[in-house]
C-alpha atoms as a PDB file:
ATOM      1  CA  MET A   1      33.354 -35.734  23.729  1.00  0.00           C
ATOM      2  CA  PRO A   2      31.328 -37.180  26.613  1.00  0.00           C
ATOM      3  CA  ARG A   3      28.331 -35.635  28.137  1.00  0.00           C
ATOM      4  CA  TYR A   4      27.789 -35.220  31.973  1.00  0.00           C
ATOM      5  CA  ALA A   5      24.746 -35.844  34.201  1.00  0.00           C
ATOM      6  CA  GLN A   6      23.845 -35.504  37.767  1.00  0.00           C
ATOM      7  CA  LEU A   7      20.892 -37.694  38.953  1.00  0.00           C
ATOM      8  CA  VAL A   8      19.549 -35.562  41.853  1.00  0.00           C
ATOM      9  CA  MET A   9      17.715 -38.024  44.221  1.00  0.00           C
ATOM     10  CA  GLY A  10      16.498 -38.187  47.691  1.00  0.00           C
ATOM     11  CA  PRO A  11      13.370 -38.372  49.806  1.00  0.00           C
ATOM     12  CA  ALA A  12      10.384 -36.024  49.242  1.00  0.00           C
ATOM     13  CA  GLY A  13      11.118 -32.651  50.725  1.00  0.00           C
ATOM     14  CA  SER A  14      14.907 -33.060  50.864  1.00  0.00           C
ATOM     15  CA  GLY A  15      15.521 -29.965  48.672  1.00  0.00           C
ATOM     16  CA  LYS A  16      16.095 -31.407  45.228  1.00  0.00           C
ATOM     17  CA  SER A  17      14.494 -28.593  43.187  1.00  0.00           C
ATOM     18  CA  THR A  18      16.091 -26.031  45.519  1.00  0.00           C
ATOM     19  CA  TYR A  19      19.454 -27.794  44.831  1.00  0.00           C
ATOM     20  CA  CYS A  20      18.962 -27.700  41.068  1.00  0.00           C
ATOM     21  CA  ALA A  21      17.965 -23.996  41.150  1.00  0.00           C
ATOM     22  CA  THR A  22      20.969 -23.057  43.234  1.00  0.00           C
ATOM     23  CA  LEU A  23      23.391 -24.948  40.989  1.00  0.00           C
ATOM     24  CA  VAL A  24      21.918 -23.253  37.901  1.00  0.00           C
ATOM     25  CA  GLN A  25      22.539 -19.821  39.467  1.00  0.00           C
ATOM     26  CA  HIS A  26      25.899 -20.810  40.654  1.00  0.00           C
ATOM     27  CA  ALA A  27      26.892 -22.118  37.289  1.00  0.00           C
ATOM     28  CA  GLU A  28      25.838 -18.763  35.647  1.00  0.00           C
ATOM     29  CA  ALA A  29      28.004 -16.900  38.180  1.00  0.00           C
ATOM     30  CA  ILE A  30      31.034 -18.825  37.116  1.00  0.00           C
ATOM     31  CA  ASN A  31      30.189 -18.807  33.364  1.00  0.00           C
ATOM     32  CA  ARG A  32      29.242 -22.527  33.009  1.00  0.00           C
ATOM     33  CA  SER A  33      26.344 -24.007  31.248  1.00  0.00           C
ATOM     34  CA  VAL A  34      24.152 -26.197  33.155  1.00  0.00           C
ATOM     35  CA  GLN A  35      20.738 -27.376  32.068  1.00  0.00           C
ATOM     36  CA  VAL A  36      17.839 -29.018  34.091  1.00  0.00           C
ATOM     37  CA  VAL A  37      15.428 -31.840  33.154  1.00  0.00           C
ATOM     38  CA  ASN A  38      12.353 -32.252  35.359  1.00  0.00           C
ATOM     39  CA  LEU A  39      11.639 -35.950  35.914  1.00  0.00           C
ATOM     40  CA  ASP A  40       9.069 -35.513  38.587  1.00  0.00           C
ATOM     41  CA  PRO A  41       5.565 -35.957  37.109  1.00  0.00           C
ATOM     42  CA  ALA A  42       4.118 -34.607  40.302  1.00  0.00           C
ATOM     43  CA  ALA A  43       6.027 -31.382  40.416  1.00  0.00           C
ATOM     44  CA  GLU A  44       3.934 -28.246  40.708  1.00  0.00           C
ATOM     45  CA  HIS A  45       6.410 -25.502  40.251  1.00  0.00           C
ATOM     46  CA  PHE A  46      10.132 -24.900  40.167  1.00  0.00           C
ATOM     47  CA  SER A  47      12.336 -21.708  39.888  1.00  0.00           C
ATOM     48  CA  TYR A  48      14.567 -22.714  37.081  1.00  0.00           C
ATOM     49  CA  PRO A  49      14.142 -23.102  33.315  1.00  0.00           C
ATOM     50  CA  VAL A  50      13.924 -26.717  32.039  1.00  0.00           C
ATOM     51  CA  MET A  51      15.132 -28.204  28.800  1.00  0.00           C
ATOM     52  CA  ALA A  52      12.672 -31.031  29.114  1.00  0.00           C
ATOM     53  CA  ASP A  53       9.689 -31.687  31.525  1.00  0.00           C
ATOM     54  CA  ILE A  54       8.154 -35.156  31.955  1.00  0.00           C
ATOM     55  CA  ARG A  55       4.826 -33.485  32.540  1.00  0.00           C
ATOM     56  CA  GLU A  56       4.691 -32.710  28.899  1.00  0.00           C
ATOM     57  CA  LEU A  57       4.772 -36.483  28.375  1.00  0.00           C
ATOM     58  CA  ILE A  58       2.657 -37.735  31.317  1.00  0.00           C
ATOM     59  CA  GLN A  59       1.240 -36.318  34.518  1.00  0.00           C
ATOM     60  CA  VAL A  60       0.316 -37.943  37.882  1.00  0.00           C
ATOM     61  CA  ASP A  61      -3.122 -36.225  38.015  1.00  0.00           C
ATOM     62  CA  ASP A  62      -4.067 -37.703  34.599  1.00  0.00           C
ATOM     63  CA  VAL A  63      -3.113 -41.162  35.708  1.00  0.00           C
ATOM     64  CA  MET A  64      -4.937 -40.966  39.046  1.00  0.00           C
ATOM     65  CA  GLU A  65      -8.029 -39.646  37.229  1.00  0.00           C
ATOM     66  CA  ASP A  66      -7.995 -42.610  34.714  1.00  0.00           C
ATOM     67  CA  PRO A  67     -10.880 -44.935  35.896  1.00  0.00           C
ATOM     68  CA  SER A  68      -9.184 -47.869  34.149  1.00  0.00           C
ATOM     69  CA  LEU A  69      -6.089 -47.536  36.342  1.00  0.00           C
ATOM     70  CA  ARG A  70      -7.328 -46.470  39.693  1.00  0.00           C
ATOM     71  CA  PHE A  71      -3.932 -45.477  41.030  1.00  0.00           C
ATOM     72  CA  GLY A  72      -3.172 -43.531  44.180  1.00  0.00           C
ATOM     73  CA  PRO A  73      -0.456 -40.891  44.247  1.00  0.00           C
ATOM     74  CA  ASN A  74       2.428 -43.293  44.900  1.00  0.00           C
ATOM     75  CA  GLY A  75       1.146 -45.988  42.254  1.00  0.00           C
ATOM     76  CA  GLY A  76       0.494 -43.148  39.882  1.00  0.00           C
ATOM     77  CA  LEU A  77       3.909 -41.880  40.214  1.00  0.00           C
ATOM     78  CA  VAL A  78       5.574 -45.279  39.614  1.00  0.00           C
ATOM     79  CA  PHE A  79       3.408 -45.794  36.539  1.00  0.00           C
ATOM     80  CA  CYS A  80       4.627 -42.488  35.125  1.00  0.00           C
ATOM     81  CA  MET A  81       8.188 -43.359  35.633  1.00  0.00           C
ATOM     82  CA  GLU A  82       7.592 -46.816  33.995  1.00  0.00           C
ATOM     83  CA  TYR A  83       5.846 -44.985  31.201  1.00  0.00           C
ATOM     84  CA  LEU A  84       8.914 -42.821  30.784  1.00  0.00           C
ATOM     85  CA  ALA A  85      11.114 -45.917  30.716  1.00  0.00           C
ATOM     86  CA  ASN A  86       9.079 -47.340  27.892  1.00  0.00           C
ATOM     87  CA  ASN A  87       9.277 -43.948  25.941  1.00  0.00           C
ATOM     88  CA  LEU A  88      12.858 -42.976  26.288  1.00  0.00           C
ATOM     89  CA  ASP A  89      12.920 -41.708  22.667  1.00  0.00           C
ATOM     90  CA  TRP A  90      10.961 -38.736  24.064  1.00  0.00           C
ATOM     91  CA  LEU A  91      13.718 -37.864  26.370  1.00  0.00           C
ATOM     92  CA  GLU A  92      16.418 -38.459  23.739  1.00  0.00           C
ATOM     93  CA  GLU A  93      14.606 -36.129  21.400  1.00  0.00           C
ATOM     94  CA  ASN A  94      14.478 -33.467  24.078  1.00  0.00           C
ATOM     95  CA  LEU A  95      18.143 -33.945  25.170  1.00  0.00           C
ATOM     96  CA  GLY A  96      19.398 -33.565  21.601  1.00  0.00           C
ATOM     97  CA  HIS A  97      22.952 -34.487  20.784  1.00  0.00           C
ATOM     98  CA  VAL A  98      24.975 -31.601  21.906  1.00  0.00           C
ATOM     99  CA  GLU A  99      28.543 -32.448  23.018  1.00  0.00           C
ATOM    100  CA  ASP A 100      29.819 -31.506  26.412  1.00  0.00           C
ATOM    101  CA  ASP A 101      26.276 -31.129  27.863  1.00  0.00           C
ATOM    102  CA  TYR A 102      26.053 -30.881  31.712  1.00  0.00           C
ATOM    103  CA  ILE A 103      22.422 -31.797  32.830  1.00  0.00           C
ATOM    104  CA  LEU A 104      20.779 -32.019  36.268  1.00  0.00           C
ATOM    105  CA  PHE A 105      17.903 -34.555  36.414  1.00  0.00           C
ATOM    106  CA  ASP A 106      15.497 -33.468  39.011  1.00  0.00           C
ATOM    107  CA  CYS A 107      14.021 -36.805  40.094  1.00  0.00           C
ATOM    108  CA  PRO A 108      10.908 -37.790  42.145  1.00  0.00           C
ATOM    109  CA  GLY A 109      10.993 -38.228  45.849  1.00  0.00           C
ATOM    110  CA  GLN A 110       9.646 -41.832  46.058  1.00  0.00           C
ATOM    111  CA  ILE A 111      12.404 -43.788  47.642  1.00  0.00           C
ATOM    112  CA  GLU A 112      11.259 -47.126  46.164  1.00  0.00           C
ATOM    113  CA  LEU A 113      12.381 -45.821  42.697  1.00  0.00           C
ATOM    114  CA  TYR A 114      15.981 -46.016  43.952  1.00  0.00           C
ATOM    115  CA  THR A 115      15.782 -49.230  45.940  1.00  0.00           C
ATOM    116  CA  HIS A 116      13.993 -52.167  44.549  1.00  0.00           C
ATOM    117  CA  LEU A 117      12.358 -50.876  41.281  1.00  0.00           C
ATOM    118  CA  PRO A 118      14.282 -51.045  38.044  1.00  0.00           C
ATOM    119  CA  VAL A 119      13.153 -47.764  36.430  1.00  0.00           C
ATOM    120  CA  MET A 120      15.990 -45.552  37.568  1.00  0.00           C
ATOM    121  CA  LYS A 121      18.604 -48.255  36.741  1.00  0.00           C
ATOM    122  CA  GLN A 122      17.115 -48.390  33.207  1.00  0.00           C
ATOM    123  CA  LEU A 123      17.361 -44.629  33.006  1.00  0.00           C
ATOM    124  CA  VAL A 124      20.971 -44.679  34.010  1.00  0.00           C
ATOM    125  CA  GLU A 125      21.863 -47.440  31.491  1.00  0.00           C
ATOM    126  CA  GLN A 126      20.197 -45.538  28.741  1.00  0.00           C
ATOM    127  CA  LEU A 127      22.078 -42.269  29.584  1.00  0.00           C
ATOM    128  CA  GLN A 128      25.195 -44.230  29.662  1.00  0.00           C
ATOM    129  CA  GLN A 129      24.482 -45.572  26.066  1.00  0.00           C
ATOM    130  CA  TRP A 130      23.978 -41.829  25.099  1.00  0.00           C
ATOM    131  CA  GLU A 131      27.606 -41.203  26.323  1.00  0.00           C
ATOM    132  CA  PHE A 132      26.639 -39.506  29.481  1.00  0.00           C
ATOM    133  CA  ARG A 133      28.928 -39.836  32.531  1.00  0.00           C
ATOM    134  CA  VAL A 134      26.432 -40.121  35.368  1.00  0.00           C
ATOM    135  CA  CYS A 135      26.870 -39.189  38.979  1.00  0.00           C
ATOM    136  CA  GLY A 136      24.146 -39.860  41.574  1.00  0.00           C
ATOM    137  CA  VAL A 137      23.651 -37.021  44.045  1.00  0.00           C
ATOM    138  CA  PHE A 138      21.596 -38.223  47.070  1.00  0.00           C
ATOM    139  CA  LEU A 139      20.245 -35.509  49.130  1.00  0.00           C
ATOM    140  CA  VAL A 140      19.083 -35.766  52.902  1.00  0.00           C
ATOM    141  CA  ASP A 141      17.556 -33.026  54.948  1.00  0.00           C
ATOM    142  CA  SER A 142      20.036 -31.954  57.671  1.00  0.00           C
ATOM    143  CA  GLN A 143      17.205 -31.209  59.930  1.00  0.00           C
ATOM    144  CA  PHE A 144      16.275 -34.759  59.845  1.00  0.00           C
ATOM    145  CA  MET A 145      19.790 -36.097  60.571  1.00  0.00           C
ATOM    146  CA  VAL A 146      20.484 -34.510  63.917  1.00  0.00           C
ATOM    147  CA  GLU A 147      19.816 -37.768  65.795  1.00  0.00           C
ATOM    148  CA  THR A 148      21.908 -40.868  65.537  1.00  0.00           C
ATOM    149  CA  PHE A 149      19.209 -43.295  64.605  1.00  0.00           C
ATOM    150  CA  LYS A 150      17.729 -40.940  62.028  1.00  0.00           C
ATOM    151  CA  PHE A 151      21.163 -40.502  60.599  1.00  0.00           C
ATOM    152  CA  ILE A 152      21.721 -44.298  60.175  1.00  0.00           C
ATOM    153  CA  SER A 153      18.291 -44.495  58.385  1.00  0.00           C
ATOM    154  CA  GLY A 154      19.403 -41.922  55.963  1.00  0.00           C
ATOM    155  CA  VAL A 155      22.765 -43.545  55.465  1.00  0.00           C
ATOM    156  CA  MET A 156      21.005 -46.811  54.645  1.00  0.00           C
ATOM    157  CA  ALA A 157      18.725 -44.967  52.077  1.00  0.00           C
ATOM    158  CA  ALA A 158      21.841 -43.506  50.423  1.00  0.00           C
ATOM    159  CA  LEU A 159      23.659 -46.923  50.404  1.00  0.00           C
ATOM    160  CA  SER A 160      20.537 -48.599  48.932  1.00  0.00           C
ATOM    161  CA  ALA A 161      20.534 -46.085  45.900  1.00  0.00           C
ATOM    162  CA  MET A 162      24.232 -46.482  45.537  1.00  0.00           C
ATOM    163  CA  VAL A 163      23.992 -50.276  45.380  1.00  0.00           C
ATOM    164  CA  SER A 164      21.095 -50.361  43.111  1.00  0.00           C
ATOM    165  CA  LEU A 165      22.320 -47.830  40.513  1.00  0.00           C
ATOM    166  CA  GLU A 166      25.972 -48.812  40.475  1.00  0.00           C
ATOM    167  CA  ILE A 167      27.187 -45.229  39.716  1.00  0.00           C
ATOM    168  CA  PRO A 168      29.505 -42.773  41.431  1.00  0.00           C
ATOM    169  CA  GLN A 169      27.531 -41.059  44.163  1.00  0.00           C
ATOM    170  CA  VAL A 170      27.959 -37.975  46.323  1.00  0.00           C
ATOM    171  CA  ASN A 171      25.809 -37.550  49.354  1.00  0.00           C
ATOM    172  CA  ILE A 172      24.662 -34.280  50.537  1.00  0.00           C
ATOM    173  CA  MET A 173      23.131 -32.727  53.665  1.00  0.00           C
ATOM    174  CA  THR A 174      20.843 -30.010  52.462  1.00  0.00           C
ATOM    175  CA  LYS A 175      19.165 -26.925  54.100  1.00  0.00           C
ATOM    176  CA  MET A 176      22.170 -26.237  56.316  1.00  0.00           C
ATOM    177  CA  ASP A 177      21.298 -22.593  55.991  1.00  0.00           C
ATOM    178  CA  LEU A 178      18.098 -23.275  58.046  1.00  0.00           C
ATOM    179  CA  LEU A 179      19.867 -24.864  61.033  1.00  0.00           C
ATOM    180  CA  SER A 180      20.695 -22.847  64.125  1.00  0.00           C
ATOM    181  CA  PRO A 181      24.217 -22.158  65.052  1.00  0.00           C
ATOM    182  CA  LYS A 182      24.077 -24.919  67.819  1.00  0.00           C
ATOM    183  CA  ALA A 183      22.511 -27.408  65.470  1.00  0.00           C
ATOM    184  CA  LYS A 184      25.203 -26.674  62.791  1.00  0.00           C
ATOM    185  CA  LYS A 185      27.924 -27.460  65.287  1.00  0.00           C
ATOM    186  CA  GLU A 186      26.147 -30.545  66.463  1.00  0.00           C
ATOM    187  CA  ILE A 187      25.616 -32.045  62.898  1.00  0.00           C
ATOM    188  CA  GLU A 188      29.318 -31.571  62.003  1.00  0.00           C
ATOM    189  CA  LYS A 189      30.021 -34.960  63.371  1.00  0.00           C
ATOM    190  CA  TYR A 190      27.642 -36.623  60.963  1.00  0.00           C
ATOM    191  CA  LEU A 191      29.478 -35.299  57.821  1.00  0.00           C
ATOM    192  CA  ASP A 192      32.300 -37.782  58.033  1.00  0.00           C
ATOM    193  CA  PRO A 193      31.030 -39.968  60.898  1.00  0.00           C
ATOM    194  CA  ASP A 194      32.905 -42.113  63.470  1.00  0.00           C
ATOM    195  CA  MET A 195      30.223 -44.702  63.747  1.00  0.00           C
ATOM    196  CA  PHE A 196      31.392 -46.528  66.814  1.00  0.00           C
ATOM    197  CA  SER A 197      31.800 -43.121  68.869  1.00  0.00           C
ATOM    198  CA  MET A 198      28.168 -42.334  67.896  1.00  0.00           C
ATOM    199  CA  MET A 199      27.224 -45.853  68.989  1.00  0.00           C
ATOM    200  CA  GLU A 200      28.864 -45.350  72.401  1.00  0.00           C
ATOM    201  CA  ASP A 201      27.094 -41.973  72.777  1.00  0.00           C
ATOM    202  CA  ASN A 202      23.701 -43.530  72.318  1.00  0.00           C
ATOM    203  CA  SER A 203      24.275 -46.964  73.713  1.00  0.00           C
ATOM    204  CA  ALA A 204      21.988 -46.172  76.781  1.00  0.00           C
ATOM    205  CA  SER A 205      19.065 -45.593  74.505  1.00  0.00           C
ATOM    206  CA  PHE A 206      18.908 -49.135  72.967  1.00  0.00           C
ATOM    207  CA  ARG A 207      15.781 -50.867  73.747  1.00  0.00           C
ATOM    208  CA  SER A 208      16.820 -54.404  73.302  1.00  0.00           C
ATOM    209  CA  LYS A 209      20.010 -56.503  72.899  1.00  0.00           C
ATOM    210  CA  LYS A 210      18.695 -57.541  69.330  1.00  0.00           C
ATOM    211  CA  PHE A 211      18.433 -53.910  68.380  1.00  0.00           C
ATOM    212  CA  ASP A 212      21.771 -53.217  69.812  1.00  0.00           C
ATOM    213  CA  LYS A 213      23.492 -56.025  67.781  1.00  0.00           C
ATOM    214  CA  LEU A 214      21.658 -55.036  64.508  1.00  0.00           C
ATOM    215  CA  THR A 215      22.710 -51.471  64.773  1.00  0.00           C
ATOM    216  CA  LYS A 216      26.290 -52.248  65.661  1.00  0.00           C
ATOM    217  CA  ALA A 217      26.455 -54.616  62.554  1.00  0.00           C
ATOM    218  CA  ILE A 218      25.181 -51.834  60.393  1.00  0.00           C
ATOM    219  CA  CYS A 219      27.615 -49.366  61.810  1.00  0.00           C
ATOM    220  CA  ASP A 220      30.393 -51.813  61.426  1.00  0.00           C
ATOM    221  CA  LEU A 221      29.529 -52.270  57.728  1.00  0.00           C
ATOM    222  CA  ILE A 222      29.438 -48.547  57.133  1.00  0.00           C
ATOM    223  CA  ASP A 223      32.679 -47.982  59.016  1.00  0.00           C
ATOM    224  CA  ASP A 224      34.749 -50.865  57.616  1.00  0.00           C
ATOM    225  CA  TYR A 225      34.235 -49.898  53.971  1.00  0.00           C
ATOM    226  CA  SER A 226      34.041 -46.022  54.510  1.00  0.00           C
ATOM    227  CA  MET A 227      30.992 -46.182  52.170  1.00  0.00           C
ATOM    228  CA  VAL A 228      29.107 -42.994  53.196  1.00  0.00           C
ATOM    229  CA  ARG A 229      30.143 -39.534  54.041  1.00  0.00           C
ATOM    230  CA  PHE A 230      28.185 -36.246  53.468  1.00  0.00           C
ATOM    231  CA  LEU A 231      28.958 -32.819  52.194  1.00  0.00           C
ATOM    232  CA  PRO A 232      27.188 -29.746  53.692  1.00  0.00           C
ATOM    233  CA  PHE A 233      24.996 -27.793  51.346  1.00  0.00           C
ATOM    234  CA  ASP A 234      24.211 -24.150  52.349  1.00  0.00           C
ATOM    235  CA  ARG A 235      22.600 -22.372  49.274  1.00  0.00           C
ATOM    236  CA  SER A 236      23.844 -19.028  50.701  1.00  0.00           C
ATOM    237  CA  ASP A 237      27.533 -20.163  50.842  1.00  0.00           C
ATOM    238  CA  GLU A 238      29.146 -19.934  47.336  1.00  0.00           C
ATOM    239  CA  GLU A 239      32.394 -21.502  48.542  1.00  0.00           C
ATOM    240  CA  GLY A 240      30.507 -24.583  49.963  1.00  0.00           C
ATOM    241  CA  ILE A 241      28.535 -24.833  46.697  1.00  0.00           C
ATOM    242  CA  ASN A 242      31.801 -24.841  44.794  1.00  0.00           C
ATOM    243  CA  ILE A 243      33.211 -27.675  46.921  1.00  0.00           C
ATOM    244  CA  VAL A 244      30.112 -29.807  46.261  1.00  0.00           C
ATOM    245  CA  LEU A 245      30.311 -29.100  42.504  1.00  0.00           C
ATOM    246  CA  GLN A 246      34.114 -29.896  42.521  1.00  0.00           C
ATOM    247  CA  ASN A 247      33.488 -33.306  44.188  1.00  0.00           C
ATOM    248  CA  ILE A 248      30.772 -34.237  41.715  1.00  0.00           C
ATOM    249  CA  ASP A 249      32.863 -32.993  38.724  1.00  0.00           C
ATOM    250  CA  PHE A 250      35.762 -35.000  39.961  1.00  0.00           C
ATOM    251  CA  SER A 251      33.652 -38.212  40.209  1.00  0.00           C
ATOM    252  CA  ILE A 252      32.652 -37.947  36.485  1.00  0.00           C
ATOM    253  CA  GLN A 253      35.887 -36.328  35.324  1.00  0.00           C
ATOM    254  CA  TYR A 254      34.194 -33.163  33.961  1.00  0.00           C
ATOM    255  CA  GLY A 255      36.750 -31.290  31.966  1.00  0.00           C
ATOM    256  CA  GLU A 256      39.342 -34.041  31.954  1.00  0.00           C
ATOM    257  CA  ASP A 257      40.890 -32.651  28.805  1.00  0.00           C
ATOM    258  CA  LEU A 258      41.778 -29.553  30.802  1.00  0.00           C
ATOM    259  CA  GLU A 259      44.372 -29.372  33.662  1.00  0.00           C
ATOM    260  CA  PHE A 260      42.246 -30.934  36.411  1.00  0.00           C
ATOM    261  CA  LYS A 261      42.882 -30.638  40.038  1.00  0.00           C
ATOM    262  CA  GLU A 262      41.427 -32.845  42.715  1.00  0.00           C
ATOM    263  CA  PRO A 263      38.706 -31.115  44.927  1.00  0.00           C
ATOM    264  CA  LYS A 264      40.021 -29.196  47.886  1.00  0.00           C
ATOM    265  CA  GLU A 265      38.006 -31.502  50.017  1.00  0.00           C
ATOM    266  CA  LEU A 266      39.947 -34.592  48.883  1.00  0.00           C
ATOM    267  CA  GLU A 267      43.339 -32.895  49.522  1.00  0.00           C
ATOM    268  CA  GLU A 268      42.798 -32.503  53.191  1.00  0.00           C
ATOM    269  CA  ASP A 269      43.377 -35.010  55.909  1.00  0.00           C
ATOM    270  CA  SER A 270      40.538 -36.886  57.643  1.00  0.00           C
ATOM    271  CA  GLY A 271      40.051 -33.985  59.994  1.00  0.00           C
ATOM    272  CA  ASN A 272      38.121 -32.098  57.255  1.00  0.00           C
ATOM    273  CA  PRO A 273      39.444 -28.614  58.171  1.00  0.00           C
ATOM    274  CA  GLN A 274      37.456 -27.309  55.139  1.00  0.00           C
ATOM    275  CA  HIS A 275      34.182 -28.285  56.849  1.00  0.00           C
ATOM    276  CA  ASP A 276      35.595 -26.870  60.136  1.00  0.00           C
ATOM    277  CA  GLU A 277      36.243 -23.402  58.463  1.00  0.00           C
ATOM    278  CA  LEU A 278      32.729 -23.456  56.974  1.00  0.00           C
ATOM    279  CA  PHE A 279      31.044 -24.279  60.117  1.00  0.00           C
ATOM    280  CA  GLN A 280      33.161 -21.747  62.253  1.00  0.00           C
ATOM    281  CA  ASP A 281      32.187 -19.018  59.683  1.00  0.00           C
ATOM    282  CA  SER A 282      28.511 -20.047  59.834  1.00  0.00           C
ATOM    283  CA  VAL A 283      28.408 -20.193  63.622  1.00  0.00           C
ATOM    284  CA  GLY A 284      30.313 -16.930  63.988  1.00  0.00           C
ATOM    285  CA  SER A 285      28.102 -15.035  61.517  1.00  0.00           C
END
């Protein structure tokens, strides 16, 4: 039987460790087994048990203190991940060979690891050789995405990871529970965006024609291929968490030997009434 993995990615502070902890709690509530592997060598603490921790192999502080290397925080983190890539037998030993595993890999927040460095791609390829079906889960802080230009920046980061890793990817807006009711209503349009409507709403703020053309070209690319949409993640909303998990499970065909149904989210039309209900409930509460 295959094994299953979520590669939990995103910028620093986007809520990766909180996402992992929430999914572990949710899995326990629905009687599912989900394990977590910490791949962040700079992590200080997390509120979930781990089956493997990269800090047992190498730590950023040790790398930075090595006088022969002289790395700063970012260089030290990249060095740690490259060291992991050269010692994947350590990871294989810690993962074991249990069938039907479902593992969350809590990854570092340095965005260059998912854009132009080969480390994460090497990890994905090795996991696939170990018979893992891997889904990328790219997190973006919803508090960052409340303006159109910031949203486009987040979309491009998600796209970059998707192109680099070449695996199914689910994009998530985290920390929805921290938004005000007004902000929740405002951010709803960014979940499944109409890029051209967003452009029209912000056309007056363009500072130059060149910038205008570049932004329109990016929006055209995103809109033509429907490459990016986001799911809301509110850690206090069990139904919303279940929708996120269903979408990820569907992308890697978790439990395909059982009678499998498509996620509720995919059965609805483009109006996304599921999202509307979630937001109405949140705003009304």
